[in-house]
Amino acid sequence: MEKYNKLKAIAAQKEYIRENGGPFFAPKHGVCWKCHKNIYEPETAINANGNEYITGITVEEAGNRRITGCPHCNRSYCS
């Protein structure tokens, strides 16, 4: 399975919500309304120590937990 695939991740999140019930917080098309990046695509970030790391929600993560915020800008989607 591909680690990052926005279409598969969106489908996986919808299926997770269907199976587990409750609210759907993630943007329906995956684009964060604060930073305008797709939450299901990888982005390289740099921490305070100058080390690079990857943000983004994988297909596996989308299928195993409720998405409640942006992995890139940390905006909460819960209101």
C-alpha atoms as a PDB file:
ATOM      1  CA  MET A   1       0.000   0.000   0.000  1.00  0.00           C
ATOM      2  CA  GLU A   2       1.133   3.524  -0.743  1.00  0.00           C
ATOM      3  CA  LYS A   3       2.014   5.441   2.381  1.00  0.00           C
ATOM      4  CA  TYR A   4       0.579   8.756   1.129  1.00  0.00           C
ATOM      5  CA  ASN A   5      -2.324   8.898  -1.328  1.00  0.00           C
ATOM      6  CA  LYS A   6      -4.874  11.650  -0.828  1.00  0.00           C
ATOM      7  CA  LEU A   7      -7.759   9.906  -2.586  1.00  0.00           C
ATOM      8  CA  LYS A   8      -7.259   6.639  -0.702  1.00  0.00           C
ATOM      9  CA  ALA A   9      -6.789   8.532   2.584  1.00  0.00           C
ATOM     10  CA  ILE A  10     -10.013  10.512   2.104  1.00  0.00           C
ATOM     11  CA  ALA A  11     -11.866   7.253   1.389  1.00  0.00           C
ATOM     12  CA  ALA A  12     -10.227   5.574   4.406  1.00  0.00           C
ATOM     13  CA  GLN A  13     -11.291   8.433   6.728  1.00  0.00           C
ATOM     14  CA  LYS A  14     -14.862   8.327   5.415  1.00  0.00           C
ATOM     15  CA  GLU A  15     -14.951   4.561   5.972  1.00  0.00           C
ATOM     16  CA  TYR A  16     -13.523   4.942   9.497  1.00  0.00           C
ATOM     17  CA  ILE A  17     -16.240   7.475  10.379  1.00  0.00           C
ATOM     18  CA  ARG A  18     -18.953   5.288   8.807  1.00  0.00           C
ATOM     19  CA  GLU A  19     -17.835   2.282  10.868  1.00  0.00           C
ATOM     20  CA  ASN A  20     -17.239   4.152  14.138  1.00  0.00           C
ATOM     21  CA  GLY A  21     -19.877   6.864  14.011  1.00  0.00           C
ATOM     22  CA  GLY A  22     -19.580  10.365  15.282  1.00  0.00           C
ATOM     23  CA  PRO A  23     -18.659  13.617  13.566  1.00  0.00           C
ATOM     24  CA  PHE A  24     -16.462  14.018  10.499  1.00  0.00           C
ATOM     25  CA  PHE A  25     -13.976  16.823  11.242  1.00  0.00           C
ATOM     26  CA  ALA A  26     -11.445  16.554   8.384  1.00  0.00           C
ATOM     27  CA  PRO A  27     -11.894  18.780   5.313  1.00  0.00           C
ATOM     28  CA  LYS A  28     -13.874  16.741   2.772  1.00  0.00           C
ATOM     29  CA  HIS A  29     -11.312  17.299   0.005  1.00  0.00           C
ATOM     30  CA  GLY A  30      -8.318  17.206   2.349  1.00  0.00           C
ATOM     31  CA  VAL A  31      -7.307  20.857   1.990  1.00  0.00           C
ATOM     32  CA  CYS A  32      -6.841  22.691   5.287  1.00  0.00           C
ATOM     33  CA  TRP A  33      -8.809  25.934   5.346  1.00  0.00           C
ATOM     34  CA  LYS A  34      -6.079  27.645   7.413  1.00  0.00           C
ATOM     35  CA  CYS A  35      -2.791  26.754   5.660  1.00  0.00           C
ATOM     36  CA  HIS A  36      -4.317  25.574   2.343  1.00  0.00           C
ATOM     37  CA  LYS A  37      -2.159  22.415   2.260  1.00  0.00           C
ATOM     38  CA  ASN A  38      -3.593  18.966   1.708  1.00  0.00           C
ATOM     39  CA  ILE A  39      -3.563  17.130   5.049  1.00  0.00           C
ATOM     40  CA  TYR A  40      -3.099  13.780   3.264  1.00  0.00           C
ATOM     41  CA  GLU A  41       0.080  14.797   1.412  1.00  0.00           C
ATOM     42  CA  PRO A  42       3.563  14.780   2.942  1.00  0.00           C
ATOM     43  CA  GLU A  43       5.314  18.080   3.688  1.00  0.00           C
ATOM     44  CA  THR A  44       8.842  18.542   4.959  1.00  0.00           C
ATOM     45  CA  ALA A  45       9.111  20.631   8.127  1.00  0.00           C
ATOM     46  CA  ILE A  46      12.052  21.683  10.320  1.00  0.00           C
ATOM     47  CA  ASN A  47      11.943  21.488  14.107  1.00  0.00           C
ATOM     48  CA  ALA A  48      13.585  23.861  16.625  1.00  0.00           C
ATOM     49  CA  ASN A  49      16.824  21.819  16.480  1.00  0.00           C
ATOM     50  CA  GLY A  50      17.050  22.226  12.713  1.00  0.00           C
ATOM     51  CA  ASN A  51      16.113  18.601  11.993  1.00  0.00           C
ATOM     52  CA  GLU A  52      13.783  17.780   9.112  1.00  0.00           C
ATOM     53  CA  TYR A  53      10.672  15.681   9.588  1.00  0.00           C
ATOM     54  CA  ILE A  54       7.595  14.836   7.530  1.00  0.00           C
ATOM     55  CA  THR A  55       4.059  15.970   8.336  1.00  0.00           C
ATOM     56  CA  GLY A  56       0.936  14.618   6.667  1.00  0.00           C
ATOM     57  CA  ILE A  57      -1.627  11.901   7.285  1.00  0.00           C
ATOM     58  CA  THR A  58      -1.001   8.503   5.750  1.00  0.00           C
ATOM     59  CA  VAL A  59      -3.639   6.208   4.309  1.00  0.00           C
ATOM     60  CA  GLU A  60      -3.137   3.899   7.295  1.00  0.00           C
ATOM     61  CA  GLU A  61      -3.614   6.727   9.826  1.00  0.00           C
ATOM     62  CA  ALA A  62      -6.744   7.945   8.043  1.00  0.00           C
ATOM     63  CA  GLY A  63      -8.230   4.462   8.268  1.00  0.00           C
ATOM     64  CA  ASN A  64      -7.411   3.981  11.945  1.00  0.00           C
ATOM     65  CA  ARG A  65      -8.275   7.214  13.743  1.00  0.00           C
ATOM     66  CA  ARG A  66     -10.555  10.232  13.567  1.00  0.00           C
ATOM     67  CA  ILE A  67      -8.756  13.186  11.988  1.00  0.00           C
ATOM     68  CA  THR A  68      -9.333  16.247  14.178  1.00  0.00           C
ATOM     69  CA  GLY A  69      -6.713  18.720  12.979  1.00  0.00           C
ATOM     70  CA  CYS A  70      -4.122  19.689  10.399  1.00  0.00           C
ATOM     71  CA  PRO A  71      -0.770  17.895  10.667  1.00  0.00           C
ATOM     72  CA  HIS A  72       0.963  20.822   8.936  1.00  0.00           C
ATOM     73  CA  CYS A  73      -0.261  23.936  10.791  1.00  0.00           C
ATOM     74  CA  ASN A  74      -1.873  22.209  13.810  1.00  0.00           C
ATOM     75  CA  ARG A  75      -5.259  23.883  13.250  1.00  0.00           C
ATOM     76  CA  SER A  76      -7.973  22.066  15.160  1.00  0.00           C
ATOM     77  CA  TYR A  77     -11.073  21.140  13.161  1.00  0.00           C
ATOM     78  CA  CYS A  78     -13.131  20.537  16.295  1.00  0.00           C
ATOM     79  CA  SER A  79     -15.464  23.349  17.244  1.00  0.00           C
END
